[in-house]
Structure formats: structure tokens, C-alpha cells
Amino acid sequence: MLVAPLVALALMTAGCTAAPDASEGPTPEGTSTTDWTPPADTETEGPTESAALIEENGALDAPITLSTDVVVTIDKISTTTIKPETPGEYAGSAVIVTLSVVNDSQRAQSVDSAVISLVTDDGDIGVATTAGPNEPLQGELAAGAKATGTYVFMLDPTEGRSVKISVNYAAGEPVATFAGRLS
């Protein structure tokens, strides 16, 4: 009756080995397990924050050409009321932003990590949601190619508010920030 548990234990421990003892000398690759040396200056720290991103500013109705030769345009802004379709979805006033990114550079540009945000001049943050006609940017843009994305932000109220919409088409790349008033 003890055969099954013993076989299981044998299978679980098969291939397990103990860590080498430092007194045994060098490992088969010719390096000792005790070769690590602490840095000379223990007070030195690495970077503590990310590098600042370049930000290009413009109006809601004008394209912004970034230093990477990527052109970002807000194609359409509209307001709507989101109705929940499944449990847990947000409901209420929302801003729908449709934008395009054109790659005027000579090399491919990925938009898979694009981050789009909306904030009002008085500090309210548009809460991004997947409800409604949300279709984020995706893929890799060849030189000369264009991608379009639609983003939905919950914001109450929406009418007549001054907003800034920031578009970071790829991690670590410049940011296009559009400013204007919602109608």
C-alpha cells in the first residue's frame, strides 16, 4: 500500500540536486561560487526615475508632427452616454476620441504600447474604459503607413470642458498633447 506514495516521492525528487558547497572549489565551468565582489562605492545608486519624454503641444484640430517623424492627428471627438451591456461595466457621460498615427519616418514604428489619456483643465481625469466603440491602436506601422484608434473616456460632465489629450504612440517616444474645448 505504500508503493504509490513512494513512487510519487521518487518522481518528485528525481533530478533535484543540492547546491554546491563553496568549499568544494570551482564549478565545472571553471568559476567559483564565491567570485562575487561588492561594488566599491556602496552609496552609488542607479536611476531613480525614468527619463523625461519630449512633449509636443498643439490644438485639438491640428496634426502634431513629432521629432520621430510620426504625425498624430485627432480625427474626431464626440460625446455620448455609455450604457452598460454586461455586469461591472461603467455607465454615464463619456468622450470618444478617434485619432490617427502616420509613420512618415524611414523605419517601422510599433503602436502596440500606445497610451492615450484625457484630463480636464480643472484636474478631472477621463477614465479610460473598454465600453463603447473602443478600438485601440495596434500593430507595427511600416514607413508611410497609417493606423487609426478609438478610445473612450468616462467624464461627467462633458459639455464645454477644456481638455488635454496626450498620445504616446510607443513607450519611450515623444508625446503629442492636444488642447481645446469639448463642444
N, C-alpha and C. Protein backbone atom coordinates (compact mmCIF):
# COMPACT_ATOMS: atom_id res chain seq x y z
N MET A 1 0.80 -1.19 0.00
CA MET A 1 0.00 0.00 0.00
C MET A 1 0.84 1.27 0.00
N LEU A 2 2.08 1.19 0.44
CA LEU A 2 2.96 2.35 0.45
C LEU A 2 3.69 2.54 -0.86
N VAL A 3 3.50 1.68 -1.83
CA VAL A 3 4.25 1.75 -3.09
C VAL A 3 3.91 3.02 -3.85
N ALA A 4 2.64 3.37 -4.01
CA ALA A 4 2.24 4.56 -4.79
C ALA A 4 2.82 5.83 -4.19
N PRO A 5 2.71 6.08 -2.87
CA PRO A 5 3.32 7.30 -2.33
C PRO A 5 4.84 7.32 -2.49
N LEU A 6 5.50 6.19 -2.35
CA LEU A 6 6.96 6.16 -2.50
C LEU A 6 7.36 6.43 -3.95
N VAL A 7 6.62 5.90 -4.92
CA VAL A 7 6.91 6.15 -6.33
C VAL A 7 6.70 7.63 -6.63
N ALA A 8 5.64 8.23 -6.11
CA ALA A 8 5.38 9.65 -6.33
C ALA A 8 6.50 10.49 -5.75
N LEU A 9 6.97 10.16 -4.55
CA LEU A 9 8.07 10.89 -3.93
C LEU A 9 9.34 10.75 -4.74
N ALA A 10 9.61 9.58 -5.24
CA ALA A 10 10.80 9.35 -6.06
C ALA A 10 10.74 10.17 -7.34
N LEU A 11 9.58 10.25 -7.98
CA LEU A 11 9.43 11.03 -9.21
C LEU A 11 9.58 12.52 -8.95
N MET A 12 9.07 12.99 -7.81
CA MET A 12 9.15 14.41 -7.49
C MET A 12 10.58 14.83 -7.20
N THR A 13 11.37 13.98 -6.61
CA THR A 13 12.73 14.36 -6.23
C THR A 13 13.75 13.97 -7.29
N ALA A 14 13.35 13.26 -8.32
CA ALA A 14 14.29 12.88 -9.39
C ALA A 14 14.79 14.15 -10.06
N GLY A 15 16.05 14.26 -10.28
CA GLY A 15 16.63 15.42 -10.94
C GLY A 15 16.96 16.55 -10.00
N CYS A 16 16.57 16.48 -8.74
CA CYS A 16 16.90 17.52 -7.79
C CYS A 16 18.32 17.30 -7.30
N THR A 17 19.08 18.37 -7.22
CA THR A 17 20.44 18.25 -6.70
C THR A 17 20.65 19.32 -5.65
N ALA A 18 21.55 19.09 -4.79
CA ALA A 18 21.87 20.06 -3.74
C ALA A 18 22.77 21.14 -4.31
N ALA A 19 22.72 22.32 -3.74
CA ALA A 19 23.60 23.41 -4.16
C ALA A 19 25.03 23.03 -3.81
N PRO A 20 25.98 23.41 -4.67
CA PRO A 20 27.37 23.06 -4.37
C PRO A 20 27.87 23.77 -3.13
N ASP A 21 28.70 23.11 -2.40
CA ASP A 21 29.31 23.69 -1.21
C ASP A 21 30.47 24.57 -1.67
N ALA A 22 30.54 25.80 -1.18
CA ALA A 22 31.59 26.74 -1.59
C ALA A 22 32.98 26.18 -1.31
N SER A 23 33.11 25.29 -0.33
CA SER A 23 34.42 24.73 -0.01
C SER A 23 34.87 23.69 -1.02
N GLU A 24 33.94 23.29 -1.94
CA GLU A 24 34.29 22.28 -2.92
C GLU A 24 35.14 22.85 -4.05
N GLY A 25 35.30 24.17 -4.11
CA GLY A 25 36.14 24.76 -5.15
C GLY A 25 35.33 25.17 -6.36
N PRO A 26 36.03 25.31 -7.50
CA PRO A 26 35.39 25.82 -8.71
C PRO A 26 34.30 24.88 -9.22
N THR A 27 33.33 25.48 -9.91
CA THR A 27 32.28 24.71 -10.56
C THR A 27 32.84 24.15 -11.86
N PRO A 28 32.13 23.22 -12.52
CA PRO A 28 32.65 22.63 -13.76
C PRO A 28 32.98 23.67 -14.83
N GLU A 29 32.32 24.82 -14.85
CA GLU A 29 32.62 25.85 -15.84
C GLU A 29 33.91 26.59 -15.51
N GLY A 30 34.52 26.32 -14.40
CA GLY A 30 35.79 26.95 -14.03
C GLY A 30 35.64 28.18 -13.17
N THR A 31 34.44 28.49 -12.68
CA THR A 31 34.26 29.65 -11.82
C THR A 31 33.82 29.18 -10.46
N SER A 32 34.25 29.87 -9.46
CA SER A 32 33.88 29.54 -8.09
C SER A 32 32.54 30.17 -7.77
N THR A 33 31.81 29.59 -6.85
CA THR A 33 30.52 30.16 -6.43
C THR A 33 30.72 31.34 -5.50
N THR A 34 31.95 31.69 -5.15
CA THR A 34 32.22 32.80 -4.24
C THR A 34 32.98 33.93 -4.92
N ASP A 35 32.89 34.05 -6.27
CA ASP A 35 33.65 35.08 -7.00
C ASP A 35 33.01 36.46 -6.97
N TRP A 36 31.80 36.64 -6.43
CA TRP A 36 31.13 37.93 -6.45
C TRP A 36 31.87 38.92 -5.57
N THR A 37 32.03 40.16 -6.08
CA THR A 37 32.68 41.23 -5.34
C THR A 37 31.70 42.39 -5.24
N PRO A 38 31.47 42.92 -4.04
CA PRO A 38 30.55 44.05 -3.91
C PRO A 38 31.13 45.29 -4.59
N PRO A 39 30.27 46.23 -5.02
CA PRO A 39 30.78 47.45 -5.66
C PRO A 39 31.63 48.26 -4.69
N ALA A 40 32.59 49.00 -5.24
CA ALA A 40 33.49 49.80 -4.42
C ALA A 40 32.75 50.92 -3.71
N ASP A 41 31.82 51.56 -4.39
CA ASP A 41 31.05 52.66 -3.80
C ASP A 41 29.64 52.17 -3.54
N THR A 42 29.37 51.81 -2.29
CA THR A 42 28.05 51.26 -1.95
C THR A 42 26.98 52.34 -1.85
N GLU A 43 27.35 53.63 -1.90
CA GLU A 43 26.38 54.71 -1.83
C GLU A 43 25.83 55.07 -3.21
N THR A 44 26.47 54.63 -4.27
CA THR A 44 26.04 54.96 -5.62
C THR A 44 24.75 54.22 -5.94
N GLU A 45 23.79 54.96 -6.48
CA GLU A 45 22.52 54.37 -6.87
C GLU A 45 22.36 54.48 -8.38
N GLY A 46 21.56 53.60 -8.93
CA GLY A 46 21.21 53.68 -10.34
C GLY A 46 20.13 54.72 -10.54
N PRO A 47 19.57 54.78 -11.73
CA PRO A 47 18.49 55.75 -11.98
C PRO A 47 17.32 55.53 -11.03
N THR A 48 16.74 56.61 -10.54
CA THR A 48 15.61 56.50 -9.63
C THR A 48 14.29 56.94 -10.28
N GLU A 49 14.36 57.45 -11.52
CA GLU A 49 13.15 57.82 -12.25
C GLU A 49 13.42 57.70 -13.74
N SER A 50 12.34 57.59 -14.50
CA SER A 50 12.50 57.45 -15.94
C SER A 50 12.89 58.79 -16.56
N ALA A 51 13.48 58.71 -17.72
CA ALA A 51 13.87 59.92 -18.43
C ALA A 51 12.61 60.68 -18.84
N ALA A 52 12.69 62.00 -18.85
CA ALA A 52 11.55 62.82 -19.26
C ALA A 52 11.29 62.63 -20.75
N LEU A 53 10.01 62.51 -21.10
CA LEU A 53 9.65 62.36 -22.50
C LEU A 53 9.47 63.73 -23.13
N ILE A 54 9.85 63.86 -24.38
CA ILE A 54 9.65 65.10 -25.11
C ILE A 54 8.16 65.23 -25.38
N GLU A 55 7.63 66.43 -25.17
CA GLU A 55 6.21 66.67 -25.38
C GLU A 55 6.03 67.77 -26.41
N GLU A 56 5.25 67.48 -27.44
CA GLU A 56 4.89 68.47 -28.47
C GLU A 56 3.44 68.84 -28.25
N ASN A 57 3.13 70.13 -28.25
CA ASN A 57 1.78 70.60 -27.96
C ASN A 57 1.12 71.20 -29.19
N GLY A 58 -0.21 71.06 -29.25
CA GLY A 58 -0.96 71.64 -30.35
C GLY A 58 -2.44 71.70 -30.02
N ALA A 59 -3.21 72.24 -30.96
CA ALA A 59 -4.65 72.36 -30.80
C ALA A 59 -5.33 71.04 -31.17
N LEU A 60 -6.56 70.85 -30.67
CA LEU A 60 -7.31 69.64 -30.96
C LEU A 60 -7.52 69.42 -32.46
N ASP A 61 -7.62 70.51 -33.21
CA ASP A 61 -7.96 70.39 -34.62
C ASP A 61 -6.76 70.47 -35.57
N ALA A 62 -5.55 70.30 -35.07
CA ALA A 62 -4.36 70.38 -35.92
C ALA A 62 -3.44 69.18 -35.66
N PRO A 63 -2.84 68.62 -36.72
CA PRO A 63 -1.91 67.50 -36.52
C PRO A 63 -0.64 67.96 -35.80
N ILE A 64 -0.01 67.03 -35.10
CA ILE A 64 1.27 67.31 -34.44
C ILE A 64 2.30 66.35 -35.04
N THR A 65 3.38 66.93 -35.57
CA THR A 65 4.49 66.14 -36.11
C THR A 65 5.55 66.03 -35.03
N LEU A 66 5.85 64.81 -34.62
CA LEU A 66 6.83 64.57 -33.56
C LEU A 66 8.24 64.50 -34.15
N SER A 67 9.24 64.60 -33.30
CA SER A 67 10.63 64.56 -33.74
C SER A 67 11.02 63.22 -34.36
N THR A 68 10.21 62.20 -34.19
CA THR A 68 10.45 60.87 -34.77
C THR A 68 9.82 60.74 -36.15
N ASP A 69 9.30 61.84 -36.69
CA ASP A 69 8.60 61.86 -37.98
C ASP A 69 7.32 61.04 -37.96
N VAL A 70 6.71 60.97 -36.82
CA VAL A 70 5.39 60.37 -36.67
C VAL A 70 4.42 61.53 -36.50
N VAL A 71 3.32 61.49 -37.26
CA VAL A 71 2.33 62.56 -37.21
C VAL A 71 1.08 62.02 -36.53
N VAL A 72 0.64 62.72 -35.48
CA VAL A 72 -0.55 62.31 -34.73
C VAL A 72 -1.64 63.35 -34.97
N THR A 73 -2.85 62.86 -35.27
CA THR A 73 -3.98 63.74 -35.54
C THR A 73 -5.20 63.25 -34.77
N ILE A 74 -5.91 64.18 -34.15
CA ILE A 74 -7.21 63.86 -33.55
C ILE A 74 -8.22 63.99 -34.70
N ASP A 75 -8.76 62.88 -35.15
CA ASP A 75 -9.68 62.88 -36.28
C ASP A 75 -11.09 63.30 -35.89
N LYS A 76 -11.53 62.87 -34.70
CA LYS A 76 -12.89 63.16 -34.29
C LYS A 76 -13.01 63.07 -32.77
N ILE A 77 -13.77 64.00 -32.20
CA ILE A 77 -14.11 63.94 -30.78
C ILE A 77 -15.61 64.08 -30.68
N SER A 78 -16.21 63.18 -29.94
CA SER A 78 -17.65 63.27 -29.72
C SER A 78 -17.95 62.89 -28.28
N THR A 79 -19.15 63.25 -27.85
CA THR A 79 -19.58 62.87 -26.52
C THR A 79 -20.77 61.93 -26.66
N THR A 80 -20.96 61.10 -25.66
CA THR A 80 -22.03 60.11 -25.69
C THR A 80 -22.37 59.73 -24.27
N THR A 81 -23.38 58.90 -24.15
CA THR A 81 -23.72 58.29 -22.87
C THR A 81 -23.52 56.79 -23.02
N ILE A 82 -22.66 56.23 -22.20
CA ILE A 82 -22.38 54.79 -22.24
C ILE A 82 -23.42 54.07 -21.41
N LYS A 83 -24.01 53.05 -22.00
CA LYS A 83 -24.95 52.19 -21.28
C LYS A 83 -24.27 50.84 -21.05
N PRO A 84 -24.33 50.34 -19.83
CA PRO A 84 -23.67 49.06 -19.55
C PRO A 84 -24.35 47.91 -20.29
N GLU A 85 -23.53 47.01 -20.83
CA GLU A 85 -24.06 45.84 -21.53
C GLU A 85 -23.85 44.56 -20.71
N THR A 86 -22.85 44.56 -19.86
CA THR A 86 -22.58 43.41 -19.02
C THR A 86 -22.34 43.90 -17.59
N PRO A 87 -22.47 43.03 -16.60
CA PRO A 87 -22.25 43.44 -15.21
C PRO A 87 -20.83 44.00 -15.02
N GLY A 88 -20.73 45.08 -14.28
CA GLY A 88 -19.43 45.66 -13.95
C GLY A 88 -18.97 46.74 -14.91
N GLU A 89 -19.66 46.94 -16.04
CA GLU A 89 -19.25 47.99 -16.96
C GLU A 89 -19.68 49.35 -16.44
N TYR A 90 -18.90 50.37 -16.80
CA TYR A 90 -19.24 51.73 -16.42
C TYR A 90 -20.42 52.23 -17.23
N ALA A 91 -21.14 53.19 -16.67
CA ALA A 91 -22.25 53.84 -17.37
C ALA A 91 -22.17 55.32 -17.08
N GLY A 92 -22.54 56.14 -18.06
CA GLY A 92 -22.57 57.58 -17.86
C GLY A 92 -21.99 58.34 -19.03
N SER A 93 -21.73 59.62 -18.81
CA SER A 93 -21.19 60.50 -19.85
C SER A 93 -19.78 60.09 -20.22
N ALA A 94 -19.50 60.19 -21.52
CA ALA A 94 -18.17 59.78 -22.00
C ALA A 94 -17.74 60.62 -23.19
N VAL A 95 -16.45 60.66 -23.40
CA VAL A 95 -15.85 61.31 -24.56
C VAL A 95 -15.23 60.21 -25.42
N ILE A 96 -15.54 60.26 -26.72
CA ILE A 96 -14.97 59.30 -27.67
C ILE A 96 -13.95 60.05 -28.51
N VAL A 97 -12.71 59.56 -28.51
CA VAL A 97 -11.62 60.19 -29.25
C VAL A 97 -11.14 59.21 -30.32
N THR A 98 -11.24 59.63 -31.59
CA THR A 98 -10.69 58.85 -32.69
C THR A 98 -9.47 59.60 -33.19
N LEU A 99 -8.36 58.88 -33.29
CA LEU A 99 -7.10 59.52 -33.68
C LEU A 99 -6.38 58.66 -34.71
N SER A 100 -5.46 59.29 -35.41
CA SER A 100 -4.65 58.54 -36.37
C SER A 100 -3.18 58.85 -36.15
N VAL A 101 -2.36 57.87 -36.48
CA VAL A 101 -0.91 57.99 -36.39
C VAL A 101 -0.36 57.61 -37.77
N VAL A 102 0.42 58.52 -38.36
CA VAL A 102 1.03 58.28 -39.67
C VAL A 102 2.53 58.21 -39.47
N ASN A 103 3.14 57.19 -40.00
CA ASN A 103 4.59 57.00 -39.88
C ASN A 103 5.27 57.60 -41.10
N ASP A 104 5.75 58.84 -40.97
CA ASP A 104 6.48 59.50 -42.05
C ASP A 104 7.99 59.27 -41.94
N SER A 105 8.40 58.37 -41.03
CA SER A 105 9.83 58.08 -40.88
C SER A 105 10.26 57.03 -41.89
N GLN A 106 11.53 56.67 -41.86
CA GLN A 106 12.08 55.68 -42.79
C GLN A 106 12.13 54.28 -42.20
N ARG A 107 11.65 54.13 -40.95
CA ARG A 107 11.68 52.80 -40.32
C ARG A 107 10.33 52.49 -39.70
N ALA A 108 10.07 51.22 -39.49
CA ALA A 108 8.80 50.78 -38.91
C ALA A 108 8.67 51.31 -37.48
N GLN A 109 7.44 51.60 -37.10
CA GLN A 109 7.13 52.09 -35.75
C GLN A 109 6.00 51.24 -35.18
N SER A 110 6.17 50.72 -33.99
CA SER A 110 5.12 49.95 -33.33
C SER A 110 4.20 50.88 -32.56
N VAL A 111 2.89 50.60 -32.61
CA VAL A 111 1.93 51.37 -31.81
C VAL A 111 1.21 50.46 -30.81
N ASP A 112 1.75 49.25 -30.60
CA ASP A 112 1.14 48.29 -29.67
C ASP A 112 1.11 48.78 -28.23
N SER A 113 2.07 49.61 -27.84
CA SER A 113 2.12 50.07 -26.45
C SER A 113 1.60 51.49 -26.30
N ALA A 114 0.79 51.97 -27.25
CA ALA A 114 0.28 53.33 -27.21
C ALA A 114 -0.51 53.57 -25.92
N VAL A 115 -0.31 54.77 -25.35
CA VAL A 115 -1.04 55.18 -24.15
C VAL A 115 -1.69 56.52 -24.46
N ILE A 116 -3.01 56.57 -24.33
CA ILE A 116 -3.77 57.77 -24.60
C ILE A 116 -4.45 58.18 -23.29
N SER A 117 -4.38 59.47 -22.96
CA SER A 117 -5.02 59.93 -21.73
C SER A 117 -5.77 61.23 -21.99
N LEU A 118 -6.75 61.49 -21.13
CA LEU A 118 -7.55 62.71 -21.22
C LEU A 118 -7.68 63.29 -19.83
N VAL A 119 -7.38 64.59 -19.71
CA VAL A 119 -7.52 65.27 -18.43
C VAL A 119 -8.10 66.66 -18.70
N THR A 120 -8.95 67.13 -17.79
CA THR A 120 -9.55 68.46 -17.95
C THR A 120 -8.61 69.50 -17.34
N ASP A 121 -8.83 70.76 -17.72
CA ASP A 121 -8.02 71.84 -17.17
C ASP A 121 -8.20 71.99 -15.67
N ASP A 122 -9.36 71.56 -15.15
CA ASP A 122 -9.57 71.67 -13.70
C ASP A 122 -9.19 70.39 -12.95
N GLY A 123 -8.47 69.48 -13.63
CA GLY A 123 -7.89 68.32 -12.95
C GLY A 123 -8.68 67.04 -12.98
N ASP A 124 -9.88 67.02 -13.56
CA ASP A 124 -10.62 65.76 -13.66
C ASP A 124 -9.96 64.86 -14.71
N ILE A 125 -9.88 63.60 -14.40
CA ILE A 125 -9.25 62.64 -15.31
C ILE A 125 -10.33 61.83 -16.01
N GLY A 126 -10.24 61.76 -17.34
CA GLY A 126 -11.13 60.90 -18.09
C GLY A 126 -10.71 59.46 -17.84
N VAL A 127 -11.64 58.66 -17.36
CA VAL A 127 -11.33 57.27 -17.02
C VAL A 127 -11.50 56.42 -18.26
N ALA A 128 -10.40 55.85 -18.74
CA ALA A 128 -10.44 55.00 -19.92
C ALA A 128 -11.29 53.77 -19.65
N THR A 129 -12.09 53.39 -20.64
CA THR A 129 -12.95 52.23 -20.50
C THR A 129 -12.97 51.44 -21.80
N THR A 130 -13.26 50.17 -21.69
CA THR A 130 -13.39 49.35 -22.88
C THR A 130 -14.83 49.30 -23.35
N ALA A 131 -15.74 49.96 -22.63
CA ALA A 131 -17.14 50.02 -23.05
C ALA A 131 -17.26 50.95 -24.25
N GLY A 132 -18.28 50.77 -25.04
CA GLY A 132 -18.49 51.63 -26.19
C GLY A 132 -17.60 51.23 -27.36
N PRO A 133 -17.37 52.15 -28.27
CA PRO A 133 -16.65 51.84 -29.51
C PRO A 133 -15.12 51.86 -29.36
N ASN A 134 -14.61 51.29 -28.31
CA ASN A 134 -13.18 51.30 -28.02
C ASN A 134 -12.42 50.37 -28.97
N GLU A 135 -11.50 50.92 -29.77
CA GLU A 135 -10.65 50.14 -30.68
C GLU A 135 -9.25 50.73 -30.66
N PRO A 136 -8.39 50.30 -29.74
CA PRO A 136 -7.07 50.90 -29.58
C PRO A 136 -6.16 50.70 -30.78
N LEU A 137 -5.16 51.57 -30.88
CA LEU A 137 -4.11 51.41 -31.89
C LEU A 137 -3.44 50.06 -31.68
N GLN A 138 -3.02 49.46 -32.78
CA GLN A 138 -2.29 48.20 -32.65
C GLN A 138 -1.47 47.94 -33.90
N GLY A 139 -0.42 47.15 -33.72
CA GLY A 139 0.39 46.71 -34.84
C GLY A 139 1.66 47.52 -35.05
N GLU A 140 2.32 47.19 -36.11
CA GLU A 140 3.55 47.87 -36.49
C GLU A 140 3.29 48.63 -37.78
N LEU A 141 3.64 49.91 -37.79
CA LEU A 141 3.42 50.74 -38.96
C LEU A 141 4.69 50.78 -39.81
N ALA A 142 4.58 50.32 -41.04
CA ALA A 142 5.69 50.43 -41.97
C ALA A 142 5.87 51.91 -42.32
N ALA A 143 7.01 52.26 -42.89
CA ALA A 143 7.24 53.64 -43.33
C ALA A 143 6.11 54.05 -44.26
N GLY A 144 5.48 55.20 -43.99
CA GLY A 144 4.38 55.70 -44.81
C GLY A 144 3.01 55.16 -44.43
N ALA A 145 2.92 54.23 -43.50
CA ALA A 145 1.64 53.62 -43.13
C ALA A 145 0.89 54.47 -42.10
N LYS A 146 -0.41 54.17 -41.97
CA LYS A 146 -1.28 54.90 -41.06
C LYS A 146 -2.10 53.91 -40.23
N ALA A 147 -2.31 54.25 -38.97
CA ALA A 147 -3.16 53.44 -38.08
C ALA A 147 -4.17 54.38 -37.43
N THR A 148 -5.36 53.86 -37.18
CA THR A 148 -6.41 54.64 -36.53
C THR A 148 -6.87 53.90 -35.27
N GLY A 149 -7.13 54.64 -34.22
CA GLY A 149 -7.62 54.06 -32.98
C GLY A 149 -8.73 54.90 -32.39
N THR A 150 -9.62 54.26 -31.65
CA THR A 150 -10.71 54.96 -30.98
C THR A 150 -10.65 54.62 -29.49
N TYR A 151 -10.74 55.65 -28.66
CA TYR A 151 -10.64 55.50 -27.21
C TYR A 151 -11.85 56.15 -26.56
N VAL A 152 -12.33 55.55 -25.47
CA VAL A 152 -13.49 56.05 -24.75
C VAL A 152 -13.07 56.40 -23.33
N PHE A 153 -13.44 57.62 -22.90
CA PHE A 153 -13.10 58.11 -21.56
C PHE A 153 -14.38 58.53 -20.85
N MET A 154 -14.62 57.95 -19.69
CA MET A 154 -15.76 58.36 -18.87
C MET A 154 -15.42 59.72 -18.26
N LEU A 155 -16.35 60.69 -18.43
CA LEU A 155 -16.13 62.04 -17.93
C LEU A 155 -17.49 62.70 -17.74
N ASP A 156 -17.73 63.23 -16.54
CA ASP A 156 -19.01 63.86 -16.27
C ASP A 156 -18.78 65.15 -15.52
N PRO A 157 -19.25 66.25 -16.03
CA PRO A 157 -19.93 66.46 -17.31
C PRO A 157 -18.91 66.55 -18.45
N THR A 158 -19.41 66.50 -19.68
CA THR A 158 -18.54 66.57 -20.85
C THR A 158 -18.64 67.89 -21.58
N GLU A 159 -19.82 68.47 -21.64
CA GLU A 159 -20.08 69.66 -22.45
C GLU A 159 -19.23 70.87 -22.04
N GLY A 160 -18.60 71.48 -23.04
CA GLY A 160 -17.90 72.74 -22.85
C GLY A 160 -16.64 72.70 -22.01
N ARG A 161 -16.11 71.53 -21.74
CA ARG A 161 -14.93 71.44 -20.87
C ARG A 161 -13.64 71.57 -21.67
N SER A 162 -12.67 72.23 -21.09
CA SER A 162 -11.34 72.32 -21.68
C SER A 162 -10.57 71.07 -21.30
N VAL A 163 -9.97 70.42 -22.30
CA VAL A 163 -9.27 69.16 -22.07
C VAL A 163 -7.89 69.16 -22.71
N LYS A 164 -7.08 68.26 -22.22
CA LYS A 164 -5.80 67.92 -22.85
C LYS A 164 -5.83 66.43 -23.11
N ILE A 165 -5.54 66.06 -24.35
CA ILE A 165 -5.47 64.66 -24.75
C ILE A 165 -4.02 64.37 -25.10
N SER A 166 -3.40 63.45 -24.38
CA SER A 166 -2.00 63.10 -24.61
C SER A 166 -1.93 61.76 -25.32
N VAL A 167 -1.10 61.71 -26.35
CA VAL A 167 -0.92 60.50 -27.15
C VAL A 167 0.56 60.13 -27.13
N ASN A 168 0.87 59.01 -26.49
CA ASN A 168 2.23 58.46 -26.50
C ASN A 168 2.13 57.18 -27.33
N TYR A 169 2.50 57.27 -28.62
CA TYR A 169 2.26 56.16 -29.55
C TYR A 169 3.10 54.93 -29.25
N ALA A 170 4.21 55.09 -28.55
CA ALA A 170 5.06 53.96 -28.18
C ALA A 170 5.86 54.33 -26.94
N ALA A 171 6.12 53.34 -26.11
CA ALA A 171 6.86 53.57 -24.86
C ALA A 171 8.20 54.23 -25.14
N GLY A 172 8.48 55.29 -24.41
CA GLY A 172 9.75 55.99 -24.51
C GLY A 172 9.85 56.98 -25.65
N GLU A 173 8.81 57.09 -26.48
CA GLU A 173 8.82 58.02 -27.62
C GLU A 173 8.16 59.33 -27.23
N PRO A 174 8.31 60.39 -28.05
CA PRO A 174 7.70 61.67 -27.73
C PRO A 174 6.18 61.58 -27.59
N VAL A 175 5.62 62.57 -26.87
CA VAL A 175 4.19 62.61 -26.60
C VAL A 175 3.57 63.80 -27.34
N ALA A 176 2.46 63.55 -28.03
CA ALA A 176 1.68 64.63 -28.66
C ALA A 176 0.56 64.99 -27.70
N THR A 177 0.50 66.27 -27.29
CA THR A 177 -0.54 66.72 -26.37
C THR A 177 -1.39 67.76 -27.04
N PHE A 178 -2.67 67.44 -27.18
CA PHE A 178 -3.64 68.31 -27.83
C PHE A 178 -4.48 69.00 -26.76
N ALA A 179 -4.76 70.31 -26.98
CA ALA A 179 -5.57 71.06 -26.01
C ALA A 179 -6.70 71.77 -26.74
N GLY A 180 -7.86 71.82 -26.07
CA GLY A 180 -9.00 72.51 -26.65
C GLY A 180 -10.23 72.29 -25.81
N ARG A 181 -11.36 72.76 -26.34
CA ARG A 181 -12.63 72.70 -25.61
C ARG A 181 -13.56 71.71 -26.30
N LEU A 182 -14.22 70.88 -25.46
CA LEU A 182 -15.23 69.96 -25.98
C LEU A 182 -16.49 70.75 -26.31
N SER A 183 -17.16 70.38 -27.37
CA SER A 183 -18.41 71.08 -27.72
C SER A 183 -19.62 70.32 -27.20
